[in-house]
Structure formats: C-alpha cells, structure tokens
Amino acid sequence: MTPFCKSARAEPNAFNTPDFLGAICDSQTIRRIGTDYRASTPAEAKASQLTEQLEANLDQNKDQTEQLEAKIKADFAAGRTITLEGWVLSLTEARQCALYSIQNP
C-alpha cells in the first residue's frame, strides 16, 4: 500500500507567484524577499492578510494574473514601491513574494 500524503506547498497561482521575479529569480530569492517584507510589515505577516490585500478591488470573473499585472503597474506609477534584498518592487509584488514565502517554506 502506498501512503497518501499531501504536499505542504501551495499550488502556484496569481497571488503567490510573482511572474516577473519568477522569470529572473530563483525560489530562494523570492522567499527571502517575502520573508523580509513580512518582517518589515507585521500587519501583513499572515497569508489571510496578504491574500486580502492582493484580492482587493479585483473582479473575480476576470483573469487575476492580468489584473495583478495592472495593479503592479499602478503601484509603480503611484510610487507604491519598497526595496527588499536590493530589488525595487511594487507593493503588490512584495505581497506576492510574502505569500509565496509562507506557502513555500
């Protein structure tokens, strides 16, 4: 009999997968960025808090990846950025990394 086990890692989705950083950084870097964000922003240190922030103002009937990309562009345009691990990130990207760091320890 083969034992059944479920991975502790979350399935990749628009909220926990920063597309741009994922294309140029390894998972360890994304985890470090996310861990640093959570340490510097204790009010957003839990997965539920991060998901709530990422889902804010999104239309659940439209492509979430496209909507998050639009939020990232809007963050940069409005100056909502943070520097972590030497990267200048939009607030949305930092939150994606933080969620990734929780769900992929």
Foldseek 3Di string as FASTA:
>chain_A
DDDDDDDLADDDDLQQDDVVCVVPDDLVVLLQLLVVLCVVPVCLQDLVSLVCVLCPPDDPVDRSNVVLVVVQVVQVVVVQWDAGPNDTGRPSSSSSSNNNNVRPD
